[in-house]
C-alpha atoms as a PDB file:
ATOM      1  CA  MET A   1      67.753  27.700 -14.227  1.00  0.00           C
ATOM      2  CA  THR A   2      68.903  30.212 -11.735  1.00  0.00           C
ATOM      3  CA  THR A   3      71.657  29.652  -9.176  1.00  0.00           C
ATOM      4  CA  ASP A   4      69.039  29.505  -6.468  1.00  0.00           C
ATOM      5  CA  GLY A   5      68.391  25.894  -7.328  1.00  0.00           C
ATOM      6  CA  PRO A   6      65.149  24.220  -8.143  1.00  0.00           C
ATOM      7  CA  GLU A   7      61.835  24.934  -6.260  1.00  0.00           C
ATOM      8  CA  VAL A   8      60.295  21.742  -7.656  1.00  0.00           C
ATOM      9  CA  LEU A   9      61.882  18.302  -8.103  1.00  0.00           C
ATOM     10  CA  VAL A  10      60.047  15.956 -10.586  1.00  0.00           C
ATOM     11  CA  ILE A  11      60.728  12.248 -10.295  1.00  0.00           C
ATOM     12  CA  GLY A  12      60.334  10.389 -13.558  1.00  0.00           C
ATOM     13  CA  ALA A  13      61.141  10.988 -17.185  1.00  0.00           C
ATOM     14  CA  GLY A  14      58.249   9.233 -18.914  1.00  0.00           C
ATOM     15  CA  VAL A  15      55.581  11.229 -20.590  1.00  0.00           C
ATOM     16  CA  ALA A  16      54.026  12.096 -17.314  1.00  0.00           C
ATOM     17  CA  GLY A  17      57.075  13.383 -15.724  1.00  0.00           C
ATOM     18  CA  LEU A  18      58.367  15.287 -18.871  1.00  0.00           C
ATOM     19  CA  THR A  19      55.038  16.994 -19.524  1.00  0.00           C
ATOM     20  CA  THR A  20      54.601  17.861 -15.763  1.00  0.00           C
ATOM     21  CA  ALA A  21      57.981  19.493 -15.692  1.00  0.00           C
ATOM     22  CA  ILE A  22      57.404  21.426 -18.892  1.00  0.00           C
ATOM     23  CA  CYS A  23      54.182  22.794 -17.495  1.00  0.00           C
ATOM     24  CA  LEU A  24      55.796  23.807 -14.099  1.00  0.00           C
ATOM     25  CA  ALA A  25      58.694  25.431 -15.773  1.00  0.00           C
ATOM     26  CA  GLU A  26      56.664  27.265 -18.434  1.00  0.00           C
ATOM     27  CA  ALA A  27      54.535  28.521 -15.535  1.00  0.00           C
ATOM     28  CA  GLY A  28      57.821  30.232 -14.191  1.00  0.00           C
ATOM     29  CA  LEU A  29      58.818  27.717 -11.628  1.00  0.00           C
ATOM     30  CA  ARG A  30      62.370  26.531 -11.077  1.00  0.00           C
ATOM     31  CA  VAL A  31      62.375  22.859 -11.880  1.00  0.00           C
ATOM     32  CA  ALA A  32      64.721  19.812 -11.946  1.00  0.00           C
ATOM     33  CA  VAL A  33      63.998  16.201 -13.145  1.00  0.00           C
ATOM     34  CA  HIS A  34      65.576  13.054 -11.637  1.00  0.00           C
ATOM     35  CA  ALA A  35      64.845   9.754 -13.154  1.00  0.00           C
ATOM     36  CA  ALA A  36      66.065   6.098 -13.008  1.00  0.00           C
ATOM     37  CA  ALA A  37      65.982   5.886 -16.835  1.00  0.00           C
ATOM     38  CA  PRO A  38      66.186   8.343 -19.675  1.00  0.00           C
ATOM     39  CA  PRO A  39      63.088   8.911 -21.671  1.00  0.00           C
ATOM     40  CA  ALA A  40      63.767   6.443 -24.426  1.00  0.00           C
ATOM     41  CA  ASP A  41      63.998   3.668 -21.939  1.00  0.00           C
ATOM     42  CA  THR A  42      60.653   4.393 -20.169  1.00  0.00           C
ATOM     43  CA  THR A  43      57.380   2.541 -20.584  1.00  0.00           C
ATOM     44  CA  SER A  44      56.209   5.679 -22.533  1.00  0.00           C
ATOM     45  CA  ALA A  45      58.649   4.843 -25.280  1.00  0.00           C
ATOM     46  CA  VAL A  46      56.911   1.456 -25.778  1.00  0.00           C
ATOM     47  CA  ALA A  47      53.513   2.917 -26.414  1.00  0.00           C
ATOM     48  CA  GLY A  48      51.741   2.633 -29.901  1.00  0.00           C
ATOM     49  CA  ALA A  49      50.386   5.286 -29.151  1.00  0.00           C
ATOM     50  CA  ILE A  50      46.915   6.675 -29.844  1.00  0.00           C
ATOM     51  CA  TRP A  51      44.874   9.144 -27.761  1.00  0.00           C
ATOM     52  CA  GLY A  52      42.219   7.487 -25.741  1.00  0.00           C
ATOM     53  CA  PRO A  53      41.664   6.462 -22.122  1.00  0.00           C
ATOM     54  CA  HIS A  54      42.741   2.730 -21.696  1.00  0.00           C
ATOM     55  CA  LEU A  55      43.242   0.430 -18.606  1.00  0.00           C
ATOM     56  CA  VAL A  56      42.571   3.529 -16.275  1.00  0.00           C
ATOM     57  CA  GLY A  57      39.992   3.991 -13.609  1.00  0.00           C
ATOM     58  CA  MET A  58      37.492   6.348 -15.116  1.00  0.00           C
ATOM     59  CA  ASP A  59      35.952   9.235 -13.164  1.00  0.00           C
ATOM     60  CA  ASP A  60      35.123  12.890 -14.036  1.00  0.00           C
ATOM     61  CA  ARG A  61      38.672  13.990 -13.554  1.00  0.00           C
ATOM     62  CA  VAL A  62      39.927  11.536 -16.172  1.00  0.00           C
ATOM     63  CA  THR A  63      37.329  12.770 -18.728  1.00  0.00           C
ATOM     64  CA  SER A  64      38.537  16.412 -18.160  1.00  0.00           C
ATOM     65  CA  TRP A  65      42.218  15.539 -18.226  1.00  0.00           C
ATOM     66  CA  ALA A  66      41.773  13.540 -21.418  1.00  0.00           C
ATOM     67  CA  GLN A  67      39.856  16.243 -23.170  1.00  0.00           C
ATOM     68  CA  HIS A  68      42.374  18.856 -22.252  1.00  0.00           C
ATOM     69  CA  THR A  69      45.227  16.708 -23.571  1.00  0.00           C
ATOM     70  CA  LEU A  70      43.343  15.950 -26.856  1.00  0.00           C
ATOM     71  CA  ALA A  71      43.117  19.681 -27.486  1.00  0.00           C
ATOM     72  CA  VAL A  72      46.897  20.179 -26.791  1.00  0.00           C
ATOM     73  CA  LEU A  73      47.882  17.125 -29.060  1.00  0.00           C
ATOM     74  CA  THR A  74      45.616  18.357 -31.767  1.00  0.00           C
ATOM     75  CA  GLU A  75      47.345  21.749 -31.658  1.00  0.00           C
ATOM     76  CA  LEU A  76      50.932  20.083 -31.468  1.00  0.00           C
ATOM     77  CA  ALA A  77      50.223  18.086 -34.451  1.00  0.00           C
ATOM     78  CA  ALA A  78      50.897  21.180 -36.537  1.00  0.00           C
ATOM     79  CA  ASP A  79      54.572  20.976 -35.534  1.00  0.00           C
ATOM     80  CA  PRO A  80      56.364  18.248 -37.476  1.00  0.00           C
ATOM     81  CA  ALA A  81      59.012  17.787 -34.771  1.00  0.00           C
ATOM     82  CA  ALA A  82      56.422  16.522 -32.318  1.00  0.00           C
ATOM     83  CA  GLY A  83      55.748  13.310 -34.270  1.00  0.00           C
ATOM     84  CA  ILE A  84      51.967  13.487 -33.974  1.00  0.00           C
ATOM     85  CA  GLN A  85      49.517  12.588 -36.900  1.00  0.00           C
ATOM     86  CA  ILE A  86      45.792  13.195 -36.730  1.00  0.00           C
ATOM     87  CA  MET A  87      45.033   9.833 -38.377  1.00  0.00           C
ATOM     88  CA  ASP A  88      42.025   7.879 -39.587  1.00  0.00           C
ATOM     89  CA  GLY A  89      41.586   4.314 -38.523  1.00  0.00           C
ATOM     90  CA  THR A  90      39.261   1.568 -37.256  1.00  0.00           C
ATOM     91  CA  ASP A  91      38.420   0.158 -33.861  1.00  0.00           C
ATOM     92  CA  ALA A  92      37.041  -3.318 -34.543  1.00  0.00           C
ATOM     93  CA  TYR A  93      35.365  -6.098 -32.541  1.00  0.00           C
ATOM     94  CA  ARG A  94      34.958  -9.899 -32.912  1.00  0.00           C
ATOM     95  CA  ALA A  95      31.459  -9.517 -30.983  1.00  0.00           C
ATOM     96  CA  ALA A  96      28.690  -7.326 -32.021  1.00  0.00           C
ATOM     97  CA  ARG A  97      28.025  -4.042 -30.187  1.00  0.00           C
ATOM     98  CA  PRO A  98      25.338  -1.507 -30.787  1.00  0.00           C
ATOM     99  CA  ASP A  99      27.220   1.634 -29.817  1.00  0.00           C
ATOM    100  CA  PRO A 100      30.645   3.142 -30.492  1.00  0.00           C
ATOM    101  CA  PRO A 101      33.257   2.547 -27.795  1.00  0.00           C
ATOM    102  CA  SER A 102      33.143   5.114 -24.992  1.00  0.00           C
ATOM    103  CA  TRP A 103      36.764   5.755 -25.164  1.00  0.00           C
ATOM    104  CA  THR A 104      36.438   7.460 -28.540  1.00  0.00           C
ATOM    105  CA  ASP A 105      34.106  10.073 -27.046  1.00  0.00           C
ATOM    106  CA  GLY A 106      35.470  13.606 -27.973  1.00  0.00           C
ATOM    107  CA  THR A 107      37.520  12.400 -31.039  1.00  0.00           C
ATOM    108  CA  GLY A 108      35.064  13.925 -33.520  1.00  0.00           C
ATOM    109  CA  PRO A 109      32.807  12.267 -36.026  1.00  0.00           C
ATOM    110  CA  ARG A 110      32.415   8.624 -35.873  1.00  0.00           C
ATOM    111  CA  HIS A 111      30.765   6.135 -38.171  1.00  0.00           C
ATOM    112  CA  GLN A 112      30.128   2.447 -38.193  1.00  0.00           C
ATOM    113  CA  ALA A 113      32.507   0.580 -40.454  1.00  0.00           C
ATOM    114  CA  ASP A 114      31.067  -1.557 -43.312  1.00  0.00           C
ATOM    115  CA  PRO A 115      31.562  -5.198 -42.070  1.00  0.00           C
ATOM    116  CA  ALA A 116      32.684  -6.209 -45.616  1.00  0.00           C
ATOM    117  CA  ASP A 117      35.708  -3.805 -45.104  1.00  0.00           C
ATOM    118  CA  LEU A 118      36.753  -5.445 -41.817  1.00  0.00           C
ATOM    119  CA  PRO A 119      39.433  -8.251 -41.475  1.00  0.00           C
ATOM    120  CA  ALA A 120      38.170 -11.737 -41.303  1.00  0.00           C
ATOM    121  CA  GLY A 121      36.799 -12.516 -37.783  1.00  0.00           C
ATOM    122  CA  TYR A 122      35.749  -8.984 -36.882  1.00  0.00           C
ATOM    123  CA  VAL A 123      31.875  -8.409 -37.137  1.00  0.00           C
ATOM    124  CA  CYS A 124      31.633  -4.773 -36.297  1.00  0.00           C
ATOM    125  CA  GLY A 125      33.905  -1.661 -36.109  1.00  0.00           C
ATOM    126  CA  TRP A 126      34.003   2.038 -35.812  1.00  0.00           C
ATOM    127  CA  ARG A 127      35.827   4.660 -37.928  1.00  0.00           C
ATOM    128  CA  PHE A 128      37.130   7.795 -36.418  1.00  0.00           C
ATOM    129  CA  THR A 129      40.040  10.228 -36.391  1.00  0.00           C
ATOM    130  CA  ALA A 130      42.523  10.612 -33.355  1.00  0.00           C
ATOM    131  CA  PRO A 131      46.024  11.722 -32.651  1.00  0.00           C
ATOM    132  CA  VAL A 132      48.597   9.009 -33.092  1.00  0.00           C
ATOM    133  CA  LEU A 133      52.161   9.514 -31.716  1.00  0.00           C
ATOM    134  CA  SER A 134      55.529   8.271 -32.604  1.00  0.00           C
ATOM    135  CA  MET A 135      56.676   8.051 -29.042  1.00  0.00           C
ATOM    136  CA  PRO A 136      60.549   8.052 -29.669  1.00  0.00           C
ATOM    137  CA  ARG A 137      59.973  11.321 -31.582  1.00  0.00           C
ATOM    138  CA  TYR A 138      57.531  12.775 -29.221  1.00  0.00           C
ATOM    139  CA  LEU A 139      59.597  12.065 -26.147  1.00  0.00           C
ATOM    140  CA  GLY A 140      62.523  13.772 -28.012  1.00  0.00           C
ATOM    141  CA  TYR A 141      60.257  16.763 -28.738  1.00  0.00           C
ATOM    142  CA  LEU A 142      59.369  16.962 -25.028  1.00  0.00           C
ATOM    143  CA  SER A 143      62.931  16.670 -23.866  1.00  0.00           C
ATOM    144  CA  ASP A 144      64.083  19.407 -26.315  1.00  0.00           C
ATOM    145  CA  ARG A 145      61.122  21.577 -25.047  1.00  0.00           C
ATOM    146  CA  LEU A 146      62.221  20.697 -21.474  1.00  0.00           C
ATOM    147  CA  LEU A 147      65.821  21.952 -22.098  1.00  0.00           C
ATOM    148  CA  HIS A 148      64.576  25.073 -23.835  1.00  0.00           C
ATOM    149  CA  ALA A 149      62.609  25.837 -20.538  1.00  0.00           C
ATOM    150  CA  GLY A 150      65.949  25.618 -18.680  1.00  0.00           C
ATOM    151  CA  VAL A 151      65.229  22.371 -16.863  1.00  0.00           C
ATOM    152  CA  GLN A 152      67.913  20.033 -15.786  1.00  0.00           C
ATOM    153  CA  LEU A 153      67.201  16.303 -16.518  1.00  0.00           C
ATOM    154  CA  GLN A 154      69.332  13.903 -14.481  1.00  0.00           C
ATOM    155  CA  THR A 155      68.962  10.205 -15.172  1.00  0.00           C
ATOM    156  CA  GLY A 156      70.426   7.149 -13.339  1.00  0.00           C
ATOM    157  CA  THR A 157      68.871   8.537 -10.011  1.00  0.00           C
ATOM    158  CA  THR A 158      66.955   6.220  -7.721  1.00  0.00           C
ATOM    159  CA  PHE A 159      65.200   6.938  -4.571  1.00  0.00           C
ATOM    160  CA  ALA A 160      64.183   4.357  -1.850  1.00  0.00           C
ATOM    161  CA  THR A 161      61.370   6.588  -0.655  1.00  0.00           C
ATOM    162  CA  PRO A 162      59.895  10.016  -1.289  1.00  0.00           C
ATOM    163  CA  ASP A 163      61.601  11.117   2.005  1.00  0.00           C
ATOM    164  CA  ASP A 164      64.848   9.773   0.570  1.00  0.00           C
ATOM    165  CA  ALA A 165      64.431  12.276  -2.197  1.00  0.00           C
ATOM    166  CA  ALA A 166      63.776  15.091   0.030  1.00  0.00           C
ATOM    167  CA  GLY A 167      66.732  14.195   2.018  1.00  0.00           C
ATOM    168  CA  GLN A 168      69.092  14.015  -0.930  1.00  0.00           C
ATOM    169  CA  ALA A 169      67.947  17.409  -2.031  1.00  0.00           C
ATOM    170  CA  GLY A 170      69.557  18.994   1.180  1.00  0.00           C
ATOM    171  CA  GLN A 171      68.255  21.724   3.378  1.00  0.00           C
ATOM    172  CA  ALA A 172      68.280  24.215   0.537  1.00  0.00           C
ATOM    173  CA  GLY A 173      66.423  21.739  -1.723  1.00  0.00           C
ATOM    174  CA  PRO A 174      62.995  21.942  -3.464  1.00  0.00           C
ATOM    175  CA  ARG A 175      59.963  22.721  -1.465  1.00  0.00           C
ATOM    176  CA  VAL A 176      57.779  20.401  -3.621  1.00  0.00           C
ATOM    177  CA  ILE A 177      58.597  16.934  -5.055  1.00  0.00           C
ATOM    178  CA  VAL A 178      56.396  15.671  -7.717  1.00  0.00           C
ATOM    179  CA  ASN A 179      56.061  11.842  -8.052  1.00  0.00           C
ATOM    180  CA  CYS A 180      55.770  10.936 -11.640  1.00  0.00           C
ATOM    181  CA  ALA A 181      57.372   7.480 -11.211  1.00  0.00           C
ATOM    182  CA  GLY A 182      54.838   5.468 -13.213  1.00  0.00           C
ATOM    183  CA  ILE A 183      55.214   1.657 -12.222  1.00  0.00           C
ATOM    184  CA  GLY A 184      58.120   2.620  -9.992  1.00  0.00           C
ATOM    185  CA  ALA A 185      55.510   4.130  -7.457  1.00  0.00           C
ATOM    186  CA  HIS A 186      54.810   0.547  -6.525  1.00  0.00           C
ATOM    187  CA  HIS A 187      57.996   0.448  -4.611  1.00  0.00           C
ATOM    188  CA  LEU A 188      58.809   4.255  -4.228  1.00  0.00           C
ATOM    189  CA  VAL A 189      55.573   5.266  -2.189  1.00  0.00           C
ATOM    190  CA  PRO A 190      55.206   2.158  -1.682  1.00  0.00           C
ATOM    191  CA  ASP A 191      51.739   1.727  -3.257  1.00  0.00           C
ATOM    192  CA  PRO A 192      50.881  -1.990  -3.770  1.00  0.00           C
ATOM    193  CA  SER A 193      47.656  -0.891  -5.615  1.00  0.00           C
ATOM    194  CA  VAL A 194      49.825  -0.031  -8.547  1.00  0.00           C
ATOM    195  CA  ILE A 195      50.262  -3.226 -10.642  1.00  0.00           C
ATOM    196  CA  PRO A 196      52.133  -3.798 -13.886  1.00  0.00           C
ATOM    197  CA  VAL A 197      50.148  -4.731 -17.030  1.00  0.00           C
ATOM    198  CA  ARG A 198      52.801  -5.864 -19.395  1.00  0.00           C
ATOM    199  CA  GLY A 199      52.761  -4.859 -23.007  1.00  0.00           C
ATOM    200  CA  GLN A 200      55.002  -6.263 -25.683  1.00  0.00           C
ATOM    201  CA  ILE A 201      55.311  -4.774 -29.182  1.00  0.00           C
ATOM    202  CA  LEU A 202      57.376  -5.023 -32.440  1.00  0.00           C
ATOM    203  CA  VAL A 203      58.527  -2.351 -34.673  1.00  0.00           C
ATOM    204  CA  VAL A 204      58.590  -3.454 -38.365  1.00  0.00           C
ATOM    205  CA  THR A 205      59.150  -1.867 -41.697  1.00  0.00           C
ATOM    206  CA  ASN A 206      56.035  -0.160 -43.114  1.00  0.00           C
ATOM    207  CA  PRO A 207      54.794  -1.761 -46.399  1.00  0.00           C
ATOM    208  CA  GLY A 208      52.660   1.309 -47.087  1.00  0.00           C
ATOM    209  CA  ILE A 209      49.999   1.380 -44.245  1.00  0.00           C
ATOM    210  CA  THR A 210      48.455   4.701 -43.512  1.00  0.00           C
ATOM    211  CA  GLU A 211      45.791   3.990 -41.090  1.00  0.00           C
ATOM    212  CA  TYR A 212      45.673   2.645 -37.624  1.00  0.00           C
ATOM    213  CA  PHE A 213      43.782  -0.514 -36.648  1.00  0.00           C
ATOM    214  CA  ILE A 214      42.795  -1.744 -33.288  1.00  0.00           C
ATOM    215  CA  GLY A 215      41.079  -5.188 -32.985  1.00  0.00           C
ATOM    216  CA  HIS A 216      39.453  -6.533 -29.892  1.00  0.00           C
ATOM    217  CA  GLY A 217      38.814 -10.233 -29.135  1.00  0.00           C
ATOM    218  CA  GLU A 218      35.898 -11.735 -27.133  1.00  0.00           C
ATOM    219  CA  GLU A 219      37.948 -11.994 -24.017  1.00  0.00           C
ATOM    220  CA  ALA A 220      39.521  -9.087 -21.861  1.00  0.00           C
ATOM    221  CA  GLY A 221      43.135  -8.393 -22.908  1.00  0.00           C
ATOM    222  CA  ASP A 222      42.712 -10.193 -26.229  1.00  0.00           C
ATOM    223  CA  VAL A 223      43.884  -7.199 -28.562  1.00  0.00           C
ATOM    224  CA  ALA A 224      45.851  -6.653 -31.730  1.00  0.00           C
ATOM    225  CA  TYR A 225      46.815  -3.340 -32.984  1.00  0.00           C
ATOM    226  CA  LEU A 226      49.004  -1.656 -35.758  1.00  0.00           C
ATOM    227  CA  PHE A 227      49.997   2.138 -35.629  1.00  0.00           C
ATOM    228  CA  PRO A 228      52.002   3.260 -38.740  1.00  0.00           C
ATOM    229  CA  HIS A 229      54.727   6.026 -38.223  1.00  0.00           C
ATOM    230  CA  GLY A 230      56.098   6.830 -41.696  1.00  0.00           C
ATOM    231  CA  GLU A 231      58.688   4.216 -42.648  1.00  0.00           C
ATOM    232  CA  THR A 232      57.796   1.954 -39.482  1.00  0.00           C
ATOM    233  CA  VAL A 233      54.793   0.382 -37.869  1.00  0.00           C
ATOM    234  CA  VAL A 234      54.296  -0.635 -34.314  1.00  0.00           C
ATOM    235  CA  LEU A 235      52.568  -3.895 -33.815  1.00  0.00           C
ATOM    236  CA  GLY A 236      51.045  -5.188 -30.675  1.00  0.00           C
ATOM    237  CA  GLY A 237      49.882  -6.290 -28.286  1.00  0.00           C
ATOM    238  CA  THR A 238      49.611  -7.808 -24.858  1.00  0.00           C
ATOM    239  CA  GLU A 239      47.941  -6.940 -21.575  1.00  0.00           C
ATOM    240  CA  ILE A 240      49.312  -9.282 -18.816  1.00  0.00           C
ATOM    241  CA  ALA A 241      48.423  -8.081 -15.263  1.00  0.00           C
ATOM    242  CA  GLY A 242      51.131  -8.670 -12.529  1.00  0.00           C
ATOM    243  CA  ASN A 243      53.974  -9.693 -15.089  1.00  0.00           C
ATOM    244  CA  TRP A 244      57.030  -7.666 -14.188  1.00  0.00           C
ATOM    245  CA  SER A 245      59.316  -9.043 -16.881  1.00  0.00           C
ATOM    246  CA  LEU A 246      61.001  -6.602 -19.366  1.00  0.00           C
ATOM    247  CA  LYS A 247      62.441  -9.256 -21.558  1.00  0.00           C
ATOM    248  CA  PRO A 248      60.700  -9.794 -24.965  1.00  0.00           C
ATOM    249  CA  ASP A 249      59.238 -13.222 -25.312  1.00  0.00           C
ATOM    250  CA  PRO A 250      59.917 -14.947 -28.761  1.00  0.00           C
ATOM    251  CA  GLY A 251      56.613 -16.778 -28.822  1.00  0.00           C
ATOM    252  CA  THR A 252      54.629 -13.656 -27.949  1.00  0.00           C
ATOM    253  CA  ALA A 253      56.448 -11.687 -30.781  1.00  0.00           C
ATOM    254  CA  GLN A 254      55.542 -14.444 -33.313  1.00  0.00           C
ATOM    255  CA  ARG A 255      51.970 -14.398 -32.177  1.00  0.00           C
ATOM    256  CA  ILE A 256      51.754 -10.627 -32.515  1.00  0.00           C
ATOM    257  CA  LEU A 257      53.300 -10.739 -35.983  1.00  0.00           C
ATOM    258  CA  SER A 258      50.980 -13.463 -37.085  1.00  0.00           C
ATOM    259  CA  SER A 259      47.927 -11.758 -35.675  1.00  0.00           C
ATOM    260  CA  CYS A 260      48.614  -8.455 -37.357  1.00  0.00           C
ATOM    261  CA  ALA A 261      49.572 -10.072 -40.654  1.00  0.00           C
ATOM    262  CA  ALA A 262      46.233 -11.641 -40.607  1.00  0.00           C
ATOM    263  CA  ILE A 263      44.653  -8.299 -40.091  1.00  0.00           C
ATOM    264  CA  GLU A 264      46.894  -6.614 -42.739  1.00  0.00           C
ATOM    265  CA  PRO A 265      48.447  -9.079 -45.214  1.00  0.00           C
ATOM    266  CA  ARG A 266      51.077  -6.492 -46.473  1.00  0.00           C
ATOM    267  CA  LEU A 267      52.826  -7.157 -43.227  1.00  0.00           C
ATOM    268  CA  HIS A 268      53.746 -10.683 -44.190  1.00  0.00           C
ATOM    269  CA  GLY A 269      57.561 -10.523 -44.677  1.00  0.00           C
ATOM    270  CA  ALA A 270      57.944  -7.212 -43.019  1.00  0.00           C
ATOM    271  CA  THR A 271      61.384  -6.821 -41.386  1.00  0.00           C
ATOM    272  CA  VAL A 272      61.428  -6.570 -37.721  1.00  0.00           C
ATOM    273  CA  LEU A 273      63.414  -3.708 -36.464  1.00  0.00           C
ATOM    274  CA  ALA A 274      62.897  -3.832 -32.761  1.00  0.00           C
ATOM    275  CA  HIS A 275      61.281  -5.710 -29.818  1.00  0.00           C
ATOM    276  CA  ARG A 276      60.117  -3.654 -26.842  1.00  0.00           C
ATOM    277  CA  VAL A 277      58.295  -4.360 -23.589  1.00  0.00           C
ATOM    278  CA  GLY A 278      56.715  -1.877 -21.192  1.00  0.00           C
ATOM    279  CA  LEU A 279      54.826  -2.101 -17.816  1.00  0.00           C
ATOM    280  CA  ARG A 280      51.718   0.027 -17.747  1.00  0.00           C
ATOM    281  CA  PRO A 281      51.172   1.414 -14.252  1.00  0.00           C
ATOM    282  CA  VAL A 282      47.525   0.322 -13.590  1.00  0.00           C
ATOM    283  CA  ARG A 283      45.673   1.480 -10.502  1.00  0.00           C
ATOM    284  CA  PRO A 284      42.021   1.506  -9.398  1.00  0.00           C
ATOM    285  CA  GLN A 285      42.227   5.355  -9.788  1.00  0.00           C
ATOM    286  CA  VAL A 286      44.827   7.909 -10.894  1.00  0.00           C
ATOM    287  CA  ARG A 287      46.549   9.411  -7.895  1.00  0.00           C
ATOM    288  CA  LEU A 288      46.920  13.072  -8.169  1.00  0.00           C
ATOM    289  CA  GLU A 289      46.970  14.767  -4.696  1.00  0.00           C
ATOM    290  CA  ALA A 290      49.424  16.491  -2.345  1.00  0.00           C
ATOM    291  CA  GLU A 291      50.750  15.459   1.080  1.00  0.00           C
ATOM    292  CA  ALA A 292      53.142  17.016   3.508  1.00  0.00           C
ATOM    293  CA  VAL A 293      56.479  15.090   3.997  1.00  0.00           C
ATOM    294  CA  GLY A 294      58.023  17.204   6.716  1.00  0.00           C
ATOM    295  CA  GLY A 295      60.462  19.933   6.800  1.00  0.00           C
ATOM    296  CA  GLY A 296      58.076  22.362   5.247  1.00  0.00           C
ATOM    297  CA  ARG A 297      58.069  20.165   2.029  1.00  0.00           C
ATOM    298  CA  HIS A 298      55.223  18.666   0.129  1.00  0.00           C
ATOM    299  CA  LEU A 299      54.852  15.628  -2.137  1.00  0.00           C
ATOM    300  CA  VAL A 300      52.432  15.843  -5.109  1.00  0.00           C
ATOM    301  CA  HIS A 301      51.514  12.379  -6.622  1.00  0.00           C
ATOM    302  CA  ASN A 302      50.877  12.041 -10.369  1.00  0.00           C
ATOM    303  CA  TYR A 303      50.833   8.422 -11.201  1.00  0.00           C
ATOM    304  CA  GLY A 304      48.589   5.403 -11.879  1.00  0.00           C
ATOM    305  CA  HIS A 305      47.683   6.317 -15.474  1.00  0.00           C
ATOM    306  CA  GLY A 306      47.661   2.734 -16.681  1.00  0.00           C
ATOM    307  CA  GLY A 307      47.539   2.579 -20.573  1.00  0.00           C
ATOM    308  CA  ALA A 308      46.486   6.275 -20.623  1.00  0.00           C
ATOM    309  CA  GLY A 309      49.697   8.025 -19.867  1.00  0.00           C
ATOM    310  CA  VAL A 310      49.763  10.053 -23.141  1.00  0.00           C
ATOM    311  CA  THR A 311      46.059  10.549 -22.990  1.00  0.00           C
ATOM    312  CA  LEU A 312      46.055  12.266 -19.658  1.00  0.00           C
ATOM    313  CA  SER A 313      49.516  13.851 -19.773  1.00  0.00           C
ATOM    314  CA  TRP A 314      48.729  17.399 -20.393  1.00  0.00           C
ATOM    315  CA  GLY A 315      45.484  17.466 -18.413  1.00  0.00           C
ATOM    316  CA  CYS A 316      47.278  15.983 -15.347  1.00  0.00           C
ATOM    317  CA  ALA A 317      50.301  18.301 -15.754  1.00  0.00           C
ATOM    318  CA  ARG A 318      47.995  21.295 -15.574  1.00  0.00           C
ATOM    319  CA  ALA A 319      46.309  19.962 -12.554  1.00  0.00           C
ATOM    320  CA  VAL A 320      49.689  19.297 -10.823  1.00  0.00           C
ATOM    321  CA  THR A 321      51.023  22.975 -11.781  1.00  0.00           C
ATOM    322  CA  GLY A 322      47.780  24.399 -10.149  1.00  0.00           C
ATOM    323  CA  GLU A 323      48.464  22.406  -7.026  1.00  0.00           C
ATOM    324  CA  VAL A 324      52.215  23.154  -6.800  1.00  0.00           C
ATOM    325  CA  ALA A 325      51.494  26.912  -7.368  1.00  0.00           C
ATOM    326  CA  GLU A 326      49.098  26.810  -4.412  1.00  0.00           C
ATOM    327  CA  LEU A 327      51.500  24.975  -2.260  1.00  0.00           C
ATOM    328  CA  LEU A 328      54.476  27.507  -3.014  1.00  0.00           C
ATOM    329  CA  ARG A 329      52.111  30.420  -2.545  1.00  0.00           C
END
């Protein structure tokens, strides 16, 4: 950073905030990041996580952002520090479906699984390869890359409104504020159309699992998944709309463990290492647009990614960087 101070202030240190700040800084802009919580305590840290649009309002922009992100994640997988594996796995269903799930479009070759190879209760499934991320490692990679780009990350900072952020910045503060507040946008903007869809997961010891599995029930939100990350496995999950609780529920944890052990018997007796909860910021559509906030400053919104924060991160960051460059020009 130069002594002139930041041109751009990014609010939020989840995957959207960190990736956006990296793109802005690597484009040559002076950037600072302020966030209420450090990356390890954000919703992003709770994700499984696999590339694929999920719980997000689909439009042409989302498809483009997702494909750009897929290309970047595939390239980053060559760096062990990023914590990304290009992994084989299965997306399975308890009800028959004639076509592969649309969210897997772009991942590469897909083929239908042999029903005999599926866990009991699942009648069809599709096998494909996709990036799977160990989010604690990946967020650490992004944080290191941000530091290398000369960006200051300040946590424990909260703003009542975007105008409050501009005011605290002072007269010589940034000309552009980028809102990557995730679920915090519900109160910050405020935007009541952003609702939490609560997810709870367990981290357990890995008994030797090397492929991911995602299982869908017959009802919306009925999902079970397991994502291996070396010595550990992330087990999920839940999709509870409107629930703001960040406290792990013991009953839910037991249900997740039982469901995943029924899918993969080697999980019986696995040691539980951690319980985590995150609030997916679901909105009818992703909000990525600019508005004037007075005093010659602008606010660029980048939130409402639902369960696709990782999936859209680099595509949205590139779009924000173009928007900010135009505003500063």
